[in-house]
Amino acid sequence: MVWACFTGDRLGPLIVCDDGGIRADEYDDIIYDGLFSLVDDILQLREQPETIQIEDDITFLFMQDNAPCHKSTCILEFLAENCIPIMDWPSQLPDLNPIENL
């Protein structure tokens, strides 16, 4: 299993995960290492590199499906604390996952 992220014009890191499922604590590390590095690069945070600041919901929207580790309370709180807006994802609709097409 792999985790990846991208924007309209930029590829983020591709992280290879261990065999089997991922727990929320492992996903927390993946988000921190993968997503935050891409966001830092995109927004070029120089004033406060430890905080991600979003101007509005159109500037950045994180998409993740309804996998149990994505929807855990600790992950949702972690994303909220770091000001990462999340797209509402319809249940059981995998065709919307853009990473599968990429």
PDB file of N, CA and C in Angstrom:
ATOM      1  N   MET A   1       0.843  -1.162   0.000  1.00  0.00           N
ATOM      2  CA  MET A   1       0.000   0.000   0.000  1.00  0.00           C
ATOM      3  C   MET A   1       0.895   1.233   0.000  1.00  0.00           C
ATOM      4  N   VAL A   2       0.451   2.280  -0.697  1.00  0.00           N
ATOM      5  CA  VAL A   2       1.191   3.529  -0.746  1.00  0.00           C
ATOM      6  C   VAL A   2       0.265   4.685  -0.402  1.00  0.00           C
ATOM      7  N   TRP A   3       0.857   5.761   0.033  1.00  0.00           N
ATOM      8  CA  TRP A   3       0.146   7.016   0.267  1.00  0.00           C
ATOM      9  C   TRP A   3       0.820   8.059  -0.592  1.00  0.00           C
ATOM     10  N   ALA A   4       0.022   8.892  -1.249  1.00  0.00           N
ATOM     11  CA  ALA A   4       0.582   9.936  -2.091  1.00  0.00           C
ATOM     12  C   ALA A   4      -0.316  11.153  -2.051  1.00  0.00           C
ATOM     13  N   CYS A   5       0.236  12.283  -2.455  1.00  0.00           N
ATOM     14  CA  CYS A   5      -0.568  13.491  -2.562  1.00  0.00           C
ATOM     15  C   CYS A   5      -0.069  14.303  -3.743  1.00  0.00           C
ATOM     16  N   PHE A   6      -0.952  15.142  -4.270  1.00  0.00           N
ATOM     17  CA  PHE A   6      -0.590  15.984  -5.400  1.00  0.00           C
ATOM     18  C   PHE A   6      -1.531  17.157  -5.475  1.00  0.00           C
ATOM     19  N   THR A   7      -1.125  18.163  -6.219  1.00  0.00           N
ATOM     20  CA  THR A   7      -1.980  19.301  -6.518  1.00  0.00           C
ATOM     21  C   THR A   7      -2.156  19.328  -8.024  1.00  0.00           C
ATOM     22  N   GLY A   8      -2.790  20.371  -8.527  1.00  0.00           N
ATOM     23  CA  GLY A   8      -2.989  20.468  -9.960  1.00  0.00           C
ATOM     24  C   GLY A   8      -1.702  20.539 -10.754  1.00  0.00           C
ATOM     25  N   ASP A   9      -0.652  21.068 -10.141  1.00  0.00           N
ATOM     26  CA  ASP A   9       0.595  21.225 -10.891  1.00  0.00           C
ATOM     27  C   ASP A   9       1.833  20.694 -10.175  1.00  0.00           C
ATOM     28  N   ARG A  10       1.647  19.952  -9.112  1.00  0.00           N
ATOM     29  CA  ARG A  10       2.809  19.496  -8.342  1.00  0.00           C
ATOM     30  C   ARG A  10       2.539  18.132  -7.716  1.00  0.00           C
ATOM     31  N   LEU A  11       3.542  17.264  -7.799  1.00  0.00           N
ATOM     32  CA  LEU A  11       3.457  15.960  -7.141  1.00  0.00           C
ATOM     33  C   LEU A  11       4.087  16.056  -5.763  1.00  0.00           C
ATOM     34  N   GLY A  12       3.427  15.432  -4.805  1.00  0.00           N
ATOM     35  CA  GLY A  12       3.981  15.344  -3.467  1.00  0.00           C
ATOM     36  C   GLY A  12       4.722  14.036  -3.309  1.00  0.00           C
ATOM     37  N   PRO A  13       5.094  13.717  -2.090  1.00  0.00           N
ATOM     38  CA  PRO A  13       5.831  12.475  -1.860  1.00  0.00           C
ATOM     39  C   PRO A  13       4.956  11.240  -2.024  1.00  0.00           C
ATOM     40  N   LEU A  14       5.592  10.136  -2.357  1.00  0.00           N
ATOM     41  CA  LEU A  14       4.959   8.828  -2.416  1.00  0.00           C
ATOM     42  C   LEU A  14       5.547   8.030  -1.257  1.00  0.00           C
ATOM     43  N   ILE A  15       4.692   7.653  -0.316  1.00  0.00           N
ATOM     44  CA  ILE A  15       5.153   6.961   0.888  1.00  0.00           C
ATOM     45  C   ILE A  15       4.680   5.523   0.840  1.00  0.00           C
ATOM     46  N   VAL A  16       5.612   4.584   0.892  1.00  0.00           N
ATOM     47  CA  VAL A  16       5.292   3.163   0.891  1.00  0.00           C
ATOM     48  C   VAL A  16       5.008   2.740   2.332  1.00  0.00           C
ATOM     49  N   CYS A  17       3.859   2.116   2.532  1.00  0.00           N
ATOM     50  CA  CYS A  17       3.425   1.695   3.867  1.00  0.00           C
ATOM     51  C   CYS A  17       3.736   0.208   4.073  1.00  0.00           C
ATOM     52  N   ASP A  18       3.834  -0.176   5.317  1.00  0.00           N
ATOM     53  CA  ASP A  18       4.045  -1.585   5.644  1.00  0.00           C
ATOM     54  C   ASP A  18       2.860  -2.413   5.178  1.00  0.00           C
ATOM     55  N   ASP A  19       3.086  -3.714   5.038  1.00  0.00           N
ATOM     56  CA  ASP A  19       1.996  -4.620   4.661  1.00  0.00           C
ATOM     57  C   ASP A  19       0.874  -4.544   5.687  1.00  0.00           C
ATOM     58  N   GLY A  20      -0.342  -4.734   5.223  1.00  0.00           N
ATOM     59  CA  GLY A  20      -1.486  -4.721   6.122  1.00  0.00           C
ATOM     60  C   GLY A  20      -2.092  -3.334   6.226  1.00  0.00           C
ATOM     61  N   GLY A  21      -2.985  -3.174   7.165  1.00  0.00           N
ATOM     62  CA  GLY A  21      -3.669  -1.904   7.359  1.00  0.00           C
ATOM     63  C   GLY A  21      -2.815  -0.899   8.104  1.00  0.00           C
ATOM     64  N   ILE A  22      -3.322   0.308   8.151  1.00  0.00           N
ATOM     65  CA  ILE A  22      -2.632   1.394   8.844  1.00  0.00           C
ATOM     66  C   ILE A  22      -3.517   1.863   9.991  1.00  0.00           C
ATOM     67  N   ARG A  23      -2.894   2.027  11.136  1.00  0.00           N
ATOM     68  CA  ARG A  23      -3.611   2.568  12.298  1.00  0.00           C
ATOM     69  C   ARG A  23      -3.522   4.091  12.267  1.00  0.00           C
ATOM     70  N   ALA A  24      -4.353   4.726  13.065  1.00  0.00           N
ATOM     71  CA  ALA A  24      -4.401   6.186  13.089  1.00  0.00           C
ATOM     72  C   ALA A  24      -3.055   6.794  13.464  1.00  0.00           C
ATOM     73  N   ASP A  25      -2.333   6.182  14.398  1.00  0.00           N
ATOM     74  CA  ASP A  25      -1.041   6.751  14.795  1.00  0.00           C
ATOM     75  C   ASP A  25      -0.024   6.690  13.651  1.00  0.00           C
ATOM     76  N   GLU A  26      -0.097   5.655  12.830  1.00  0.00           N
ATOM     77  CA  GLU A  26       0.783   5.565  11.661  1.00  0.00           C
ATOM     78  C   GLU A  26       0.373   6.586  10.597  1.00  0.00           C
ATOM     79  N   TYR A  27      -0.931   6.776  10.435  1.00  0.00           N
ATOM     80  CA  TYR A  27      -1.433   7.742   9.464  1.00  0.00           C
ATOM     81  C   TYR A  27      -1.052   9.158   9.884  1.00  0.00           C
ATOM     82  N   ASP A  28      -1.061   9.421  11.160  1.00  0.00           N
ATOM     83  CA  ASP A  28      -0.630  10.705  11.705  1.00  0.00           C
ATOM     84  C   ASP A  28       0.790  11.023  11.230  1.00  0.00           C
ATOM     85  N   ASP A  29       1.684  10.048  11.312  1.00  0.00           N
ATOM     86  CA  ASP A  29       3.068  10.237  10.855  1.00  0.00           C
ATOM     87  C   ASP A  29       3.130  10.471   9.350  1.00  0.00           C
ATOM     88  N   ILE A  30       2.315   9.746   8.597  1.00  0.00           N
ATOM     89  CA  ILE A  30       2.294   9.891   7.143  1.00  0.00           C
ATOM     90  C   ILE A  30       1.840  11.294   6.760  1.00  0.00           C
ATOM     91  N   ILE A  31       0.785  11.780   7.402  1.00  0.00           N
ATOM     92  CA  ILE A  31       0.301  13.131   7.118  1.00  0.00           C
ATOM     93  C   ILE A  31       1.380  14.159   7.444  1.00  0.00           C
ATOM     94  N   TYR A  32       1.998  13.981   8.592  1.00  0.00           N
ATOM     95  CA  TYR A  32       3.019  14.935   9.005  1.00  0.00           C
ATOM     96  C   TYR A  32       4.191  14.947   8.029  1.00  0.00           C
ATOM     97  N   ASP A  33       4.650  13.772   7.640  1.00  0.00           N
ATOM     98  CA  ASP A  33       5.803  13.680   6.735  1.00  0.00           C
ATOM     99  C   ASP A  33       5.451  14.008   5.284  1.00  0.00           C
ATOM    100  N   GLY A  34       4.284  13.553   4.823  1.00  0.00           N
ATOM    101  CA  GLY A  34       3.926  13.702   3.425  1.00  0.00           C
ATOM    102  C   GLY A  34       3.175  14.975   3.109  1.00  0.00           C
ATOM    103  N   LEU A  35       2.031  15.146   3.727  1.00  0.00           N
ATOM    104  CA  LEU A  35       1.170  16.285   3.417  1.00  0.00           C
ATOM    105  C   LEU A  35       1.805  17.598   3.837  1.00  0.00           C
ATOM    106  N   PHE A  36       2.324  17.655   5.051  1.00  0.00           N
ATOM    107  CA  PHE A  36       2.863  18.916   5.541  1.00  0.00           C
ATOM    108  C   PHE A  36       4.070  19.371   4.728  1.00  0.00           C
ATOM    109  N   SER A  37       4.870  18.432   4.244  1.00  0.00           N
ATOM    110  CA  SER A  37       6.011  18.840   3.418  1.00  0.00           C
ATOM    111  C   SER A  37       5.536  19.460   2.103  1.00  0.00           C
ATOM    112  N   LEU A  38       4.469  18.904   1.520  1.00  0.00           N
ATOM    113  CA  LEU A  38       3.929  19.469   0.285  1.00  0.00           C
ATOM    114  C   LEU A  38       3.290  20.829   0.549  1.00  0.00           C
ATOM    115  N   VAL A  39       2.519  20.937   1.614  1.00  0.00           N
ATOM    116  CA  VAL A  39       1.863  22.207   1.941  1.00  0.00           C
ATOM    117  C   VAL A  39       2.911  23.280   2.233  1.00  0.00           C
ATOM    118  N   ASP A  40       3.936  22.930   2.982  1.00  0.00           N
ATOM    119  CA  ASP A  40       5.002  23.893   3.259  1.00  0.00           C
ATOM    120  C   ASP A  40       5.633  24.385   1.962  1.00  0.00           C
ATOM    121  N   ASP A  41       5.839  23.480   1.038  1.00  0.00           N
ATOM    122  CA  ASP A  41       6.438  23.837  -0.240  1.00  0.00           C
ATOM    123  C   ASP A  41       5.508  24.732  -1.050  1.00  0.00           C
ATOM    124  N   ILE A  42       4.234  24.407  -1.077  1.00  0.00           N
ATOM    125  CA  ILE A  42       3.265  25.181  -1.851  1.00  0.00           C
ATOM    126  C   ILE A  42       3.087  26.581  -1.267  1.00  0.00           C
ATOM    127  N   LEU A  43       2.886  26.657   0.020  1.00  0.00           N
ATOM    128  CA  LEU A  43       2.602  27.942   0.657  1.00  0.00           C
ATOM    129  C   LEU A  43       3.857  28.723   1.015  1.00  0.00           C
ATOM    130  N   GLN A  44       5.007  28.075   0.926  1.00  0.00           N
ATOM    131  CA  GLN A  44       6.285  28.691   1.251  1.00  0.00           C
ATOM    132  C   GLN A  44       6.221  29.436   2.576  1.00  0.00           C
ATOM    133  N   LEU A  45       5.908  28.681   3.612  1.00  0.00           N
ATOM    134  CA  LEU A  45       5.797  29.259   4.947  1.00  0.00           C
ATOM    135  C   LEU A  45       7.184  29.603   5.474  1.00  0.00           C
ATOM    136  N   ARG A  46       7.463  30.853   5.605  1.00  0.00           N
ATOM    137  CA  ARG A  46       8.761  31.261   6.103  1.00  0.00           C
ATOM    138  C   ARG A  46       8.659  31.965   7.445  1.00  0.00           C
ATOM    139  N   GLU A  47       7.541  32.634   7.683  1.00  0.00           N
ATOM    140  CA  GLU A  47       7.411  33.372   8.928  1.00  0.00           C
ATOM    141  C   GLU A  47       7.194  32.453  10.122  1.00  0.00           C
ATOM    142  N   GLN A  48       6.303  31.469   9.988  1.00  0.00           N
ATOM    143  CA  GLN A  48       5.991  30.546  11.065  1.00  0.00           C
ATOM    144  C   GLN A  48       5.961  29.127  10.502  1.00  0.00           C
ATOM    145  N   PRO A  49       7.101  28.485  10.306  1.00  0.00           N
ATOM    146  CA  PRO A  49       7.127  27.178   9.651  1.00  0.00           C
ATOM    147  C   PRO A  49       6.433  26.068  10.436  1.00  0.00           C
ATOM    148  N   GLU A  50       6.168  26.261  11.718  1.00  0.00           N
ATOM    149  CA  GLU A  50       5.507  25.215  12.499  1.00  0.00           C
ATOM    150  C   GLU A  50       3.988  25.282  12.397  1.00  0.00           C
ATOM    151  N   THR A  51       3.440  26.314  11.751  1.00  0.00           N
ATOM    152  CA  THR A  51       1.997  26.484  11.653  1.00  0.00           C
ATOM    153  C   THR A  51       1.597  26.613  10.194  1.00  0.00           C
ATOM    154  N   ILE A  52       0.588  25.863   9.790  1.00  0.00           N
ATOM    155  CA  ILE A  52       0.052  25.977   8.438  1.00  0.00           C
ATOM    156  C   ILE A  52      -1.096  26.970   8.476  1.00  0.00           C
ATOM    157  N   GLN A  53      -0.997  28.021   7.693  1.00  0.00           N
ATOM    158  CA  GLN A  53      -2.028  29.049   7.670  1.00  0.00           C
ATOM    159  C   GLN A  53      -2.724  29.016   6.319  1.00  0.00           C
ATOM    160  N   ILE A  54      -4.035  28.913   6.353  1.00  0.00           N
ATOM    161  CA  ILE A  54      -4.828  28.840   5.138  1.00  0.00           C
ATOM    162  C   ILE A  54      -5.625  30.139   5.007  1.00  0.00           C
ATOM    163  N   GLU A  55      -5.586  30.763   3.828  1.00  0.00           N
ATOM    164  CA  GLU A  55      -6.313  32.012   3.642  1.00  0.00           C
ATOM    165  C   GLU A  55      -7.818  31.787   3.627  1.00  0.00           C
ATOM    166  N   ASP A  56      -8.271  30.787   2.906  1.00  0.00           N
ATOM    167  CA  ASP A  56      -9.679  30.454   2.841  1.00  0.00           C
ATOM    168  C   ASP A  56      -9.813  29.004   2.389  1.00  0.00           C
ATOM    169  N   ASP A  57     -11.041  28.506   2.337  1.00  0.00           N
ATOM    170  CA  ASP A  57     -11.261  27.106   1.990  1.00  0.00           C
ATOM    171  C   ASP A  57     -10.925  26.786   0.542  1.00  0.00           C
ATOM    172  N   ILE A  58     -10.831  27.785  -0.320  1.00  0.00           N
ATOM    173  CA  ILE A  58     -10.520  27.546  -1.718  1.00  0.00           C
ATOM    174  C   ILE A  58      -9.009  27.379  -1.916  1.00  0.00           C
ATOM    175  N   THR A  59      -8.224  27.970  -1.052  1.00  0.00           N
ATOM    176  CA  THR A  59      -6.777  27.922  -1.177  1.00  0.00           C
ATOM    177  C   THR A  59      -6.252  26.500  -1.093  1.00  0.00           C
ATOM    178  N   PHE A  60      -6.778  25.707  -0.171  1.00  0.00           N
ATOM    179  CA  PHE A  60      -6.281  24.360   0.042  1.00  0.00           C
ATOM    180  C   PHE A  60      -7.406  23.512   0.604  1.00  0.00           C
ATOM    181  N   LEU A  61      -7.610  22.325   0.054  1.00  0.00           N
ATOM    182  CA  LEU A  61      -8.628  21.403   0.540  1.00  0.00           C
ATOM    183  C   LEU A  61      -8.063  19.996   0.463  1.00  0.00           C
ATOM    184  N   PHE A  62      -7.965  19.346   1.597  1.00  0.00           N
ATOM    185  CA  PHE A  62      -7.390  18.008   1.678  1.00  0.00           C
ATOM    186  C   PHE A  62      -8.480  16.974   1.429  1.00  0.00           C
ATOM    187  N   MET A  63      -8.203  16.046   0.498  1.00  0.00           N
ATOM    188  CA  MET A  63      -9.152  14.989   0.179  1.00  0.00           C
ATOM    189  C   MET A  63      -8.620  13.665   0.719  1.00  0.00           C
ATOM    190  N   GLN A  64      -9.455  12.971   1.435  1.00  0.00           N
ATOM    191  CA  GLN A  64      -9.137  11.612   1.871  1.00  0.00           C
ATOM    192  C   GLN A  64     -10.447  10.851   1.919  1.00  0.00           C
ATOM    193  N   ASP A  65     -10.378   9.543   1.687  1.00  0.00           N
ATOM    194  CA  ASP A  65     -11.618   8.769   1.668  1.00  0.00           C
ATOM    195  C   ASP A  65     -12.043   8.423   3.093  1.00  0.00           C
ATOM    196  N   ASN A  66     -12.984   7.536   3.221  1.00  0.00           N
ATOM    197  CA  ASN A  66     -13.545   7.196   4.526  1.00  0.00           C
ATOM    198  C   ASN A  66     -12.888   5.983   5.171  1.00  0.00           C
ATOM    199  N   ALA A  67     -11.626   5.746   4.889  1.00  0.00           N
ATOM    200  CA  ALA A  67     -10.917   4.652   5.555  1.00  0.00           C
ATOM    201  C   ALA A  67     -10.938   4.902   7.063  1.00  0.00           C
ATOM    202  N   PRO A  68     -11.024   3.853   7.861  1.00  0.00           N
ATOM    203  CA  PRO A  68     -11.116   4.032   9.316  1.00  0.00           C
ATOM    204  C   PRO A  68     -10.009   4.909   9.908  1.00  0.00           C
ATOM    205  N   CYS A  69      -8.783   4.761   9.430  1.00  0.00           N
ATOM    206  CA  CYS A  69      -7.705   5.589   9.986  1.00  0.00           C
ATOM    207  C   CYS A  69      -7.865   7.056   9.593  1.00  0.00           C
ATOM    208  N   HIS A  70      -8.520   7.344   8.469  1.00  0.00           N
ATOM    209  CA  HIS A  70      -8.731   8.731   8.042  1.00  0.00           C
ATOM    210  C   HIS A  70      -9.792   9.416   8.883  1.00  0.00           C
ATOM    211  N   LYS A  71     -10.757   8.664   9.351  1.00  0.00           N
ATOM    212  CA  LYS A  71     -11.902   9.236  10.057  1.00  0.00           C
ATOM    213  C   LYS A  71     -11.783   9.145  11.575  1.00  0.00           C
ATOM    214  N   SER A  72     -10.660   8.677  12.073  1.00  0.00           N
ATOM    215  CA  SER A  72     -10.520   8.553  13.523  1.00  0.00           C
ATOM    216  C   SER A  72     -10.517   9.939  14.163  1.00  0.00           C
ATOM    217  N   THR A  73     -10.985   9.998  15.373  1.00  0.00           N
ATOM    218  CA  THR A  73     -11.093  11.258  16.092  1.00  0.00           C
ATOM    219  C   THR A  73      -9.739  11.947  16.218  1.00  0.00           C
ATOM    220  N   CYS A  74      -8.710  11.184  16.527  1.00  0.00           N
ATOM    221  CA  CYS A  74      -7.391  11.811  16.710  1.00  0.00           C
ATOM    222  C   CYS A  74      -6.869  12.413  15.412  1.00  0.00           C
ATOM    223  N   ILE A  75      -7.139  11.796  14.269  1.00  0.00           N
ATOM    224  CA  ILE A  75      -6.697  12.344  12.980  1.00  0.00           C
ATOM    225  C   ILE A  75      -7.493  13.596  12.637  1.00  0.00           C
ATOM    226  N   LEU A  76      -8.804  13.542  12.816  1.00  0.00           N
ATOM    227  CA  LEU A  76      -9.621  14.716  12.518  1.00  0.00           C
ATOM    228  C   LEU A  76      -9.244  15.891  13.407  1.00  0.00           C
ATOM    229  N   GLU A  77      -8.943  15.617  14.674  1.00  0.00           N
ATOM    230  CA  GLU A  77      -8.496  16.678  15.585  1.00  0.00           C
ATOM    231  C   GLU A  77      -7.128  17.204  15.169  1.00  0.00           C
ATOM    232  N   PHE A  78      -6.230  16.311  14.768  1.00  0.00           N
ATOM    233  CA  PHE A  78      -4.892  16.689  14.325  1.00  0.00           C
ATOM    234  C   PHE A  78      -4.976  17.626  13.118  1.00  0.00           C
ATOM    235  N   LEU A  79      -5.815  17.283  12.149  1.00  0.00           N
ATOM    236  CA  LEU A  79      -5.978  18.119  10.966  1.00  0.00           C
ATOM    237  C   LEU A  79      -6.601  19.466  11.324  1.00  0.00           C
ATOM    238  N   ALA A  80      -7.600  19.456  12.205  1.00  0.00           N
ATOM    239  CA  ALA A  80      -8.238  20.705  12.628  1.00  0.00           C
ATOM    240  C   ALA A  80      -7.254  21.601  13.373  1.00  0.00           C
ATOM    241  N   GLU A  81      -6.453  21.024  14.254  1.00  0.00           N
ATOM    242  CA  GLU A  81      -5.465  21.802  15.009  1.00  0.00           C
ATOM    243  C   GLU A  81      -4.444  22.451  14.081  1.00  0.00           C
ATOM    244  N   ASN A  82      -4.173  21.818  12.947  1.00  0.00           N
ATOM    245  CA  ASN A  82      -3.198  22.336  11.997  1.00  0.00           C
ATOM    246  C   ASN A  82      -3.851  23.093  10.839  1.00  0.00           C
ATOM    247  N   CYS A  83      -5.138  23.425  11.008  1.00  0.00           N
ATOM    248  CA  CYS A  83      -5.879  24.252  10.040  1.00  0.00           C
ATOM    249  C   CYS A  83      -5.890  23.656   8.638  1.00  0.00           C
ATOM    250  N   ILE A  84      -6.051  22.337   8.545  1.00  0.00           N
ATOM    251  CA  ILE A  84      -6.154  21.659   7.254  1.00  0.00           C
ATOM    252  C   ILE A  84      -7.634  21.375   6.982  1.00  0.00           C
ATOM    253  N   PRO A  85      -8.247  22.099   6.040  1.00  0.00           N
ATOM    254  CA  PRO A  85      -9.646  21.838   5.715  1.00  0.00           C
ATOM    255  C   PRO A  85      -9.779  20.517   4.952  1.00  0.00           C
ATOM    256  N   ILE A  86     -10.815  19.766   5.263  1.00  0.00           N
ATOM    257  CA  ILE A  86     -11.017  18.444   4.672  1.00  0.00           C
ATOM    258  C   ILE A  86     -12.290  18.451   3.827  1.00  0.00           C
ATOM    259  N   MET A  87     -12.184  17.858   2.647  1.00  0.00           N
ATOM    260  CA  MET A  87     -13.360  17.711   1.788  1.00  0.00           C
ATOM    261  C   MET A  87     -14.296  16.671   2.390  1.00  0.00           C
ATOM    262  N   ASP A  88     -15.596  16.972   2.386  1.00  0.00           N
ATOM    263  CA  ASP A  88     -16.576  15.966   2.796  1.00  0.00           C
ATOM    264  C   ASP A  88     -16.590  14.882   1.728  1.00  0.00           C
ATOM    265  N   TRP A  89     -16.407  13.637   2.139  1.00  0.00           N
ATOM    266  CA  TRP A  89     -16.284  12.524   1.204  1.00  0.00           C
ATOM    267  C   TRP A  89     -17.516  11.642   1.306  1.00  0.00           C
ATOM    268  N   PRO A  90     -18.235  11.438   0.211  1.00  0.00           N
ATOM    269  CA  PRO A  90     -19.406  10.553   0.243  1.00  0.00           C
ATOM    270  C   PRO A  90     -18.995   9.124   0.579  1.00  0.00           C
ATOM    271  N   SER A  91     -19.797   8.459   1.370  1.00  0.00           N
ATOM    272  CA  SER A  91     -19.455   7.083   1.729  1.00  0.00           C
ATOM    273  C   SER A  91     -19.639   6.163   0.534  1.00  0.00           C
ATOM    274  N   GLN A  92     -18.769   5.188   0.435  1.00  0.00           N
ATOM    275  CA  GLN A  92     -18.796   4.137  -0.579  1.00  0.00           C
ATOM    276  C   GLN A  92     -18.859   4.680  -2.013  1.00  0.00           C
ATOM    277  N   LEU A  93     -18.018   5.651  -2.306  1.00  0.00           N
ATOM    278  CA  LEU A  93     -17.953   6.199  -3.648  1.00  0.00           C
ATOM    279  C   LEU A  93     -16.489   6.331  -4.058  1.00  0.00           C
ATOM    280  N   PRO A  94     -15.818   5.193  -4.315  1.00  0.00           N
ATOM    281  CA  PRO A  94     -14.384   5.227  -4.601  1.00  0.00           C
ATOM    282  C   PRO A  94     -14.014   5.867  -5.929  1.00  0.00           C
ATOM    283  N   ASP A  95     -14.983   6.078  -6.834  1.00  0.00           N
ATOM    284  CA  ASP A  95     -14.673   6.662  -8.132  1.00  0.00           C
ATOM    285  C   ASP A  95     -14.171   8.096  -8.034  1.00  0.00           C
ATOM    286  N   LEU A  96     -14.391   8.763  -6.905  1.00  0.00           N
ATOM    287  CA  LEU A  96     -13.922  10.131  -6.748  1.00  0.00           C
ATOM    288  C   LEU A  96     -12.465  10.229  -6.378  1.00  0.00           C
ATOM    289  N   ASN A  97     -11.832   9.105  -6.077  1.00  0.00           N
ATOM    290  CA  ASN A  97     -10.456   9.136  -5.599  1.00  0.00           C
ATOM    291  C   ASN A  97      -9.514   9.472  -6.754  1.00  0.00           C
ATOM    292  N   PRO A  98      -8.987  10.703  -6.809  1.00  0.00           N
ATOM    293  CA  PRO A  98      -8.136  11.092  -7.938  1.00  0.00           C
ATOM    294  C   PRO A  98      -6.776  10.394  -7.947  1.00  0.00           C
ATOM    295  N   ILE A  99      -6.296   9.934  -6.821  1.00  0.00           N
ATOM    296  CA  ILE A  99      -4.979   9.297  -6.766  1.00  0.00           C
ATOM    297  C   ILE A  99      -4.991   7.976  -7.545  1.00  0.00           C
ATOM    298  N   GLU A 100      -6.116   7.294  -7.571  1.00  0.00           N
ATOM    299  CA  GLU A 100      -6.207   6.030  -8.322  1.00  0.00           C
ATOM    300  C   GLU A 100      -6.063   6.296  -9.812  1.00  0.00           C
ATOM    301  N   ASN A 101      -6.578   7.413 -10.291  1.00  0.00           N
ATOM    302  CA  ASN A 101      -6.464   7.760 -11.705  1.00  0.00           C
ATOM    303  C   ASN A 101      -5.064   8.239 -12.052  1.00  0.00           C
ATOM    304  N   LEU A 102      -4.406   8.894 -11.107  1.00  0.00           N
ATOM    305  CA  LEU A 102      -3.051   9.384 -11.357  1.00  0.00           C
ATOM    306  C   LEU A 102      -2.093   8.221 -11.443  1.00  0.00           C
TER     307      LEU A 102
END
